[in-house]
């Protein structure tokens, strides 16, 4: 292995392009790899993006490869995404994509190429705990672009082999560096959508992927079970949703819960959406071990959610109970709850629902 050889996951966007360029500037031997994951209509990881990445690699004078993972991506990310919606959950495929593809599979390829580290264009940082000489996952310095939320389930052994060259930069600085370096991706717009969901139409993607599993029409009910209307499938809804309910009421109503067993959408008033705690499963910890019961933390229940003060109570089997200091609104099963201690990401888990 060569400590100076780093494989960079190049998506064809400005962020990964600059990440590769900065590592070249720092004197590393850089190898670019684009993972072909989605189809031609994708806003990310398509063959068009691979060509953009190839041009950047040529500009930088580095080796470059395209790795085809379309079949694996479909099985490991796209189909579970559809199944989650049909089960009344709101999935985050970007977390799974990061863990399985941008790190696990990419690290396997890096090993085959004789590299000991991988790098991406994520806005996050890797720090070191000097007492234990162990890596720590930290927020990116740009609060508007920080992506540490999507990286919560990276293991310590992965963190040791990851580099985030953009973690200390702001987006404006990254674009300026790309312009100065003459990179063709400098002005390329970034996608705000899930790569395999064109125009953000989640329901259509679910219907195309799992036509035999569609639940059909069902009831929209209030918290007392009174029927207020009908819906065309629970995969059209997420917890906290207000628009598109198809109801005419005297006060705003929001989706409080999805009941796939009875094919029901439960709606409630805004003041009924608060939860004092959350039950999470599938927890992982960036330090490798859970903290003690009662650990104070700031917890984000959605990417754009302002982190809320809470106490963590880890249990056996990867379960965690989160007790918030103040009720939080719209806990959505399937979303991630991510735990922060200052700038550090302690870990996170998958929200199953509110504490009973």
Protein backbone atom coordinates (compact mmCIF):
# COMPACT_ATOMS: atom_id res chain seq x y z
CA UNK A 1 0.00 0.00 0.00
CA UNK A 2 1.05 3.57 -0.68
CA UNK A 3 0.12 6.10 1.99
CA UNK A 4 0.39 8.82 -0.63
CA UNK A 5 -1.99 7.16 -3.09
CA UNK A 6 -5.62 8.21 -2.68
CA UNK A 7 -8.67 7.16 -4.67
CA UNK A 8 -11.14 10.01 -5.10
CA UNK A 9 -14.80 9.32 -5.77
CA UNK A 10 -15.50 11.74 -8.62
CA UNK A 11 -19.19 12.32 -9.26
CA UNK A 12 -18.62 14.79 -12.08
CA UNK A 13 -19.59 17.78 -9.94
CA UNK A 14 -17.57 20.73 -8.75
CA UNK A 15 -17.09 19.44 -5.19
CA UNK A 16 -15.41 16.13 -6.00
CA UNK A 17 -13.44 17.84 -8.79
CA UNK A 18 -11.93 20.32 -6.35
CA UNK A 19 -11.36 17.58 -3.77
CA UNK A 20 -9.23 15.71 -6.32
CA UNK A 21 -7.41 18.89 -7.35
CA UNK A 22 -6.53 19.82 -3.77
CA UNK A 23 -5.05 16.38 -3.14
CA UNK A 24 -2.99 16.66 -6.32
CA UNK A 25 -1.75 20.06 -5.14
CA UNK A 26 -0.82 18.51 -1.80
CA UNK A 27 1.47 16.04 -3.57
CA UNK A 28 -0.62 12.86 -3.40
CA UNK A 29 -0.86 10.34 -6.18
CA UNK A 30 -4.55 10.64 -7.00
CA UNK A 31 -6.71 8.15 -8.89
CA UNK A 32 -10.21 9.24 -9.89
CA UNK A 33 -13.08 6.76 -9.88
CA UNK A 34 -16.61 7.53 -11.02
CA UNK A 35 -19.21 5.07 -9.80
CA UNK A 36 -21.87 4.67 -12.48
CA UNK A 37 -24.97 4.14 -10.37
CA UNK A 38 -28.09 5.51 -12.05
CA UNK A 39 -29.60 5.97 -15.51
CA UNK A 40 -29.14 8.64 -18.14
CA UNK A 41 -31.91 10.83 -16.69
CA UNK A 42 -30.16 10.95 -13.32
CA UNK A 43 -28.84 14.23 -11.92
CA UNK A 44 -25.84 12.42 -10.45
CA UNK A 45 -23.53 9.50 -11.23
CA UNK A 46 -24.73 9.08 -14.84
CA UNK A 47 -22.50 8.48 -17.86
CA UNK A 48 -22.66 12.20 -18.69
CA UNK A 49 -21.30 12.92 -15.22
CA UNK A 50 -18.57 10.36 -15.81
CA UNK A 51 -17.49 12.28 -18.90
CA UNK A 52 -17.34 15.51 -16.88
CA UNK A 53 -15.20 13.73 -14.30
CA UNK A 54 -12.95 12.29 -17.01
CA UNK A 55 -12.28 15.77 -18.41
CA UNK A 56 -11.34 17.01 -14.94
CA UNK A 57 -9.03 14.02 -14.46
CA UNK A 58 -7.37 14.80 -17.80
CA UNK A 59 -6.92 18.39 -16.70
CA UNK A 60 -5.29 17.21 -13.46
CA UNK A 61 -3.19 14.56 -15.17
CA UNK A 62 -4.43 11.70 -13.02
CA UNK A 63 -5.52 8.14 -13.74
CA UNK A 64 -9.27 7.74 -14.06
CA UNK A 65 -11.70 4.80 -14.11
CA UNK A 66 -15.45 4.31 -14.38
CA UNK A 67 -16.91 1.51 -12.25
CA UNK A 68 -20.35 0.18 -13.15
CA UNK A 69 -22.44 -0.47 -10.05
CA UNK A 70 -25.91 0.01 -11.56
CA UNK A 71 -27.20 -3.47 -10.67
CA UNK A 72 -25.88 -3.32 -7.12
CA UNK A 73 -27.25 0.18 -6.68
CA UNK A 74 -30.69 -0.96 -7.78
CA UNK A 75 -30.67 -3.88 -5.34
CA UNK A 76 -29.07 -2.12 -2.37
CA UNK A 77 -30.54 1.38 -2.64
CA UNK A 78 -33.34 1.88 -5.17
CA UNK A 79 -35.60 -1.10 -4.42
CA UNK A 80 -35.31 -0.72 -0.61
CA UNK A 81 -36.25 2.95 -1.13
CA UNK A 82 -39.52 1.94 -2.81
CA UNK A 83 -40.23 -0.76 -0.22
CA UNK A 84 -39.75 1.75 2.60
CA UNK A 85 -42.35 4.12 1.16
CA UNK A 86 -44.84 1.27 0.80
CA UNK A 87 -44.19 0.39 4.46
CA UNK A 88 -45.13 3.91 5.55
CA UNK A 89 -41.57 5.10 6.10
CA UNK A 90 -39.64 8.06 4.65
CA UNK A 91 -36.24 6.70 3.58
CA UNK A 92 -32.93 8.51 3.13
CA UNK A 93 -31.17 6.66 0.32
CA UNK A 94 -28.19 9.02 0.44
CA UNK A 95 -27.08 7.54 3.78
CA UNK A 96 -27.15 4.01 2.39
CA UNK A 97 -25.43 5.15 -0.80
CA UNK A 98 -22.64 6.78 1.19
CA UNK A 99 -22.06 3.75 3.40
CA UNK A 100 -22.32 1.02 0.75
CA UNK A 101 -20.99 2.71 -2.37
CA UNK A 102 -19.03 5.89 -1.75
CA UNK A 103 -17.11 4.21 1.05
CA UNK A 104 -17.48 0.41 1.30
CA UNK A 105 -17.34 -0.44 -2.42
CA UNK A 106 -14.99 2.46 -3.16
CA UNK A 107 -12.61 1.27 -0.43
CA UNK A 108 -12.60 -2.20 -1.95
CA UNK A 109 -11.60 -0.67 -5.27
CA UNK A 110 -8.98 1.50 -3.58
CA UNK A 111 -7.45 -1.62 -2.03
CA UNK A 112 -7.27 -3.25 -5.47
CA UNK A 113 -5.53 -0.13 -6.80
CA UNK A 114 -2.95 -0.16 -4.03
CA UNK A 115 -4.30 2.90 -2.24
CA UNK A 116 -4.77 3.16 1.50
CA UNK A 117 -7.27 6.02 1.56
CA UNK A 118 -10.33 7.31 -0.25
CA UNK A 119 -11.60 10.86 -0.55
CA UNK A 120 -14.87 12.49 -1.57
CA UNK A 121 -16.25 16.00 -1.96
CA UNK A 122 -18.41 15.83 1.18
CA UNK A 123 -18.55 18.88 3.43
CA UNK A 124 -17.44 17.19 6.63
CA UNK A 125 -14.17 16.83 8.55
CA UNK A 126 -12.12 14.08 10.14
CA UNK A 127 -10.51 15.05 13.43
CA UNK A 128 -8.33 13.07 15.82
CA UNK A 129 -8.84 12.35 19.49
CA UNK A 130 -5.27 12.87 20.78
CA UNK A 131 -5.88 10.82 23.93
CA UNK A 132 -6.79 7.67 22.01
CA UNK A 133 -5.29 8.54 18.61
CA UNK A 134 -8.69 7.76 17.14
CA UNK A 135 -10.58 9.48 14.31
CA UNK A 136 -13.58 11.67 14.98
CA UNK A 137 -16.26 12.70 12.47
CA UNK A 138 -16.88 16.45 12.61
CA UNK A 139 -19.25 18.91 10.99
CA UNK A 140 -18.10 20.81 7.92
CA UNK A 141 -17.28 24.45 8.64
CA UNK A 142 -19.93 25.70 6.18
CA UNK A 143 -23.22 25.33 8.09
CA UNK A 144 -25.23 25.71 4.88
CA UNK A 145 -23.44 22.77 3.24
CA UNK A 146 -22.49 20.54 6.19
CA UNK A 147 -23.18 16.92 5.17
CA UNK A 148 -22.15 15.12 8.35
CA UNK A 149 -25.80 14.14 8.90
CA UNK A 150 -25.55 11.71 5.97
CA UNK A 151 -22.34 10.14 7.27
CA UNK A 152 -23.39 9.18 10.79
CA UNK A 153 -23.03 5.43 10.31
CA UNK A 154 -19.42 5.40 9.17
CA UNK A 155 -17.38 3.07 11.37
CA UNK A 156 -14.05 4.01 13.03
CA UNK A 157 -12.09 1.75 10.67
CA UNK A 158 -13.66 3.59 7.72
CA UNK A 159 -12.98 7.02 9.19
CA UNK A 160 -9.27 6.15 9.44
CA UNK A 161 -9.14 5.71 5.66
CA UNK A 162 -11.31 8.67 4.59
CA UNK A 163 -10.26 12.16 3.56
CA UNK A 164 -12.63 15.12 3.20
CA UNK A 165 -10.57 17.87 1.52
CA UNK A 166 -13.51 20.32 1.44
CA UNK A 167 -14.44 20.09 5.11
CA UNK A 168 -12.72 23.34 6.00
CA UNK A 169 -14.08 25.30 3.02
CA UNK A 170 -17.28 27.09 2.13
CA UNK A 171 -19.09 26.45 -1.12
CA UNK A 172 -18.19 29.86 -2.53
CA UNK A 173 -14.51 29.14 -1.89
CA UNK A 174 -14.79 25.77 -3.63
CA UNK A 175 -16.25 27.30 -6.79
CA UNK A 176 -13.60 30.01 -6.77
CA UNK A 177 -10.86 27.39 -6.50
CA UNK A 178 -12.41 25.49 -9.41
CA UNK A 179 -12.36 28.64 -11.54
CA UNK A 180 -8.73 29.40 -10.70
CA UNK A 181 -7.75 25.80 -11.48
CA UNK A 182 -9.56 25.92 -14.81
CA UNK A 183 -11.86 23.00 -13.99
CA UNK A 184 -14.76 22.56 -16.39
CA UNK A 185 -17.17 21.79 -13.56
CA UNK A 186 -16.68 25.18 -11.86
CA UNK A 187 -20.14 26.47 -12.81
CA UNK A 188 -21.94 23.15 -12.93
CA UNK A 189 -25.19 23.34 -10.93
CA UNK A 190 -25.62 20.89 -8.09
CA UNK A 191 -28.54 18.55 -7.75
CA UNK A 192 -30.90 19.12 -4.84
CA UNK A 193 -32.76 15.89 -5.54
CA UNK A 194 -32.21 12.19 -4.99
CA UNK A 195 -30.30 11.07 -8.07
CA UNK A 196 -32.79 8.43 -9.23
CA UNK A 197 -35.92 10.54 -8.55
CA UNK A 198 -36.30 12.97 -11.49
CA UNK A 199 -38.19 16.17 -10.62
CA UNK A 200 -38.60 14.91 -7.06
CA UNK A 201 -41.57 12.69 -7.99
CA UNK A 202 -41.09 9.96 -5.38
CA UNK A 203 -44.53 8.43 -5.84
CA UNK A 204 -44.03 7.84 -9.56
CA UNK A 205 -40.70 6.10 -8.93
CA UNK A 206 -42.30 3.84 -6.31
CA UNK A 207 -45.16 2.99 -8.69
CA UNK A 208 -42.75 2.09 -11.49
CA UNK A 209 -40.55 -0.04 -9.26
CA UNK A 210 -43.20 -1.92 -7.28
CA UNK A 211 -46.47 -1.88 -9.26
CA UNK A 212 -47.67 -5.13 -7.69
CA UNK A 213 -47.15 -3.80 -4.17
CA UNK A 214 -49.18 -0.60 -4.44
CA UNK A 215 -51.77 -0.34 -1.66
CA UNK A 216 -54.46 1.48 -3.64
CA UNK A 217 -56.96 3.93 -2.22
CA UNK A 218 -57.57 4.24 1.49
CA UNK A 219 -58.95 6.49 4.20
CA UNK A 220 -57.65 9.75 5.61
CA UNK A 221 -58.64 9.89 9.26
CA UNK A 222 -58.17 12.19 12.22
CA UNK A 223 -56.57 11.11 15.50
CA UNK A 224 -59.95 9.79 16.72
CA UNK A 225 -60.45 7.62 13.63
CA UNK A 226 -63.10 9.81 12.00
CA UNK A 227 -62.89 9.55 8.20
CA UNK A 228 -62.15 12.91 6.59
CA UNK A 229 -61.42 11.84 3.03
CA UNK A 230 -59.70 9.38 0.71
CA UNK A 231 -56.14 9.01 -0.55
CA UNK A 232 -54.59 7.36 -3.60
CA UNK A 233 -51.83 5.47 -1.78
CA UNK A 234 -49.78 6.06 1.37
CA UNK A 235 -46.61 6.34 -0.72
CA UNK A 236 -47.81 9.84 -1.67
CA UNK A 237 -47.41 11.05 1.93
CA UNK A 238 -44.77 11.71 4.57
CA UNK A 239 -45.13 12.60 8.24
CA UNK A 240 -45.39 16.37 8.71
CA UNK A 241 -46.81 16.96 5.22
CA UNK A 242 -49.40 19.72 4.93
CA UNK A 243 -49.94 20.33 1.21
CA UNK A 244 -51.57 17.91 -1.15
CA UNK A 245 -53.85 16.23 1.39
CA UNK A 246 -56.95 16.86 -0.70
CA UNK A 247 -58.97 17.94 2.33
CA UNK A 248 -61.14 21.00 2.86
CA UNK A 249 -61.02 21.89 6.55
CA UNK A 250 -61.39 25.00 8.68
CA UNK A 251 -57.84 24.69 10.06
CA UNK A 252 -54.57 23.38 8.65
CA UNK A 253 -53.99 19.66 9.08
CA UNK A 254 -50.74 17.73 8.81
CA UNK A 255 -49.86 14.08 8.36
CA UNK A 256 -49.23 12.71 11.84
CA UNK A 257 -48.74 9.04 10.97
CA UNK A 258 -49.02 6.48 8.19
CA UNK A 259 -50.73 3.17 8.92
CA UNK A 260 -49.76 0.69 6.16
CA UNK A 261 -51.61 -2.17 7.91
CA UNK A 262 -54.95 -0.44 7.48
CA UNK A 263 -53.85 1.68 4.50
CA UNK A 264 -54.66 4.86 6.39
CA UNK A 265 -53.22 8.36 6.54
CA UNK A 266 -53.68 9.93 9.99
CA UNK A 267 -53.85 13.72 10.10
CA UNK A 268 -53.75 16.11 13.03
CA UNK A 269 -53.52 19.76 13.99
CA UNK A 270 -50.07 21.36 14.31
CA UNK A 271 -50.14 21.26 18.10
CA UNK A 272 -50.71 17.49 18.02
CA UNK A 273 -47.49 16.76 16.12
CA UNK A 274 -45.07 17.18 19.02
CA UNK A 275 -43.20 14.23 20.54
CA UNK A 276 -41.18 14.21 23.73
CA UNK A 277 -39.00 11.32 22.63
CA UNK A 278 -38.12 8.99 19.80
CA UNK A 279 -37.33 5.29 19.51
CA UNK A 280 -34.51 4.51 17.09
CA UNK A 281 -33.15 1.24 15.73
CA UNK A 282 -30.06 0.23 13.78
CA UNK A 283 -27.87 2.62 15.75
CA UNK A 284 -24.19 2.99 14.95
CA UNK A 285 -21.48 4.89 16.76
CA UNK A 286 -18.54 6.65 15.15
CA UNK A 287 -16.38 5.84 18.19
CA UNK A 288 -17.31 2.17 17.90
CA UNK A 289 -19.12 1.98 21.24
CA UNK A 290 -22.32 3.64 22.52
CA UNK A 291 -22.06 6.40 25.11
CA UNK A 292 -23.37 5.87 28.65
CA UNK A 293 -27.08 6.16 29.31
CA UNK A 294 -28.13 9.76 29.80
CA UNK A 295 -25.51 11.17 27.43
CA UNK A 296 -26.49 14.75 26.52
CA UNK A 297 -26.49 15.47 22.80
CA UNK A 298 -27.99 17.63 20.12
CA UNK A 299 -30.19 15.51 17.86
CA UNK A 300 -31.21 16.24 14.29
CA UNK A 301 -34.30 14.33 13.15
CA UNK A 302 -34.08 15.59 9.55
CA UNK A 303 -31.25 17.04 7.50
CA UNK A 304 -32.61 20.59 7.62
CA UNK A 305 -33.90 20.26 11.19
CA UNK A 306 -32.33 22.46 13.84
CA UNK A 307 -30.69 20.07 16.27
CA UNK A 308 -32.65 19.71 19.52
CA UNK A 309 -31.16 19.13 23.00
CA UNK A 310 -31.81 15.62 24.25
CA UNK A 311 -30.48 12.73 26.32
CA UNK A 312 -29.58 9.39 24.78
CA UNK A 313 -30.37 6.02 26.32
CA UNK A 314 -28.71 3.28 24.24
CA UNK A 315 -30.11 -0.23 24.59
CA UNK A 316 -29.26 -3.72 23.42
CA UNK A 317 -29.56 -4.71 19.78
CA UNK A 318 -28.79 -1.29 18.34
CA UNK A 319 -31.80 0.46 19.86
CA UNK A 320 -31.68 3.98 21.30
CA UNK A 321 -34.31 5.99 23.13
CA UNK A 322 -33.99 9.75 22.70
CA UNK A 323 -35.56 12.01 25.33
CA UNK A 324 -35.91 15.60 24.11
CA UNK A 325 -35.82 18.58 26.46
CA UNK A 326 -38.74 20.08 24.52
CA UNK A 327 -41.18 18.26 22.19
CA UNK A 328 -40.12 18.09 18.54
CA UNK A 329 -42.53 18.07 15.63
CA UNK A 330 -43.14 15.49 12.94
CA UNK A 331 -40.99 12.48 13.81
CA UNK A 332 -40.95 10.56 10.54
CA UNK A 333 -40.23 6.81 10.67
CA UNK A 334 -37.43 5.98 8.27
CA UNK A 335 -35.60 9.26 8.74
CA UNK A 336 -32.31 9.37 10.60
CA UNK A 337 -31.78 10.74 14.07
CA UNK A 338 -28.19 11.95 14.23
CA UNK A 339 -26.41 12.75 17.51
CA UNK A 340 -23.96 15.62 17.91
CA UNK A 341 -21.66 16.54 20.77
CA UNK A 342 -20.44 19.99 19.86
CA UNK A 343 -18.85 19.65 16.41
CA UNK A 344 -18.53 15.87 16.66
CA UNK A 345 -20.96 13.32 15.25
CA UNK A 346 -21.43 10.64 17.90
CA UNK A 347 -23.54 8.44 15.66
CA UNK A 348 -27.21 7.97 14.90
CA UNK A 349 -30.00 5.57 14.08
CA UNK A 350 -33.23 5.14 12.20
CA UNK A 351 -36.41 6.62 13.63
CA UNK A 352 -39.10 4.00 14.27
CA UNK A 353 -41.53 6.40 15.92
CA UNK A 354 -42.25 8.40 19.07
CA UNK A 355 -41.70 6.95 22.52
CA UNK A 356 -44.88 5.53 23.92
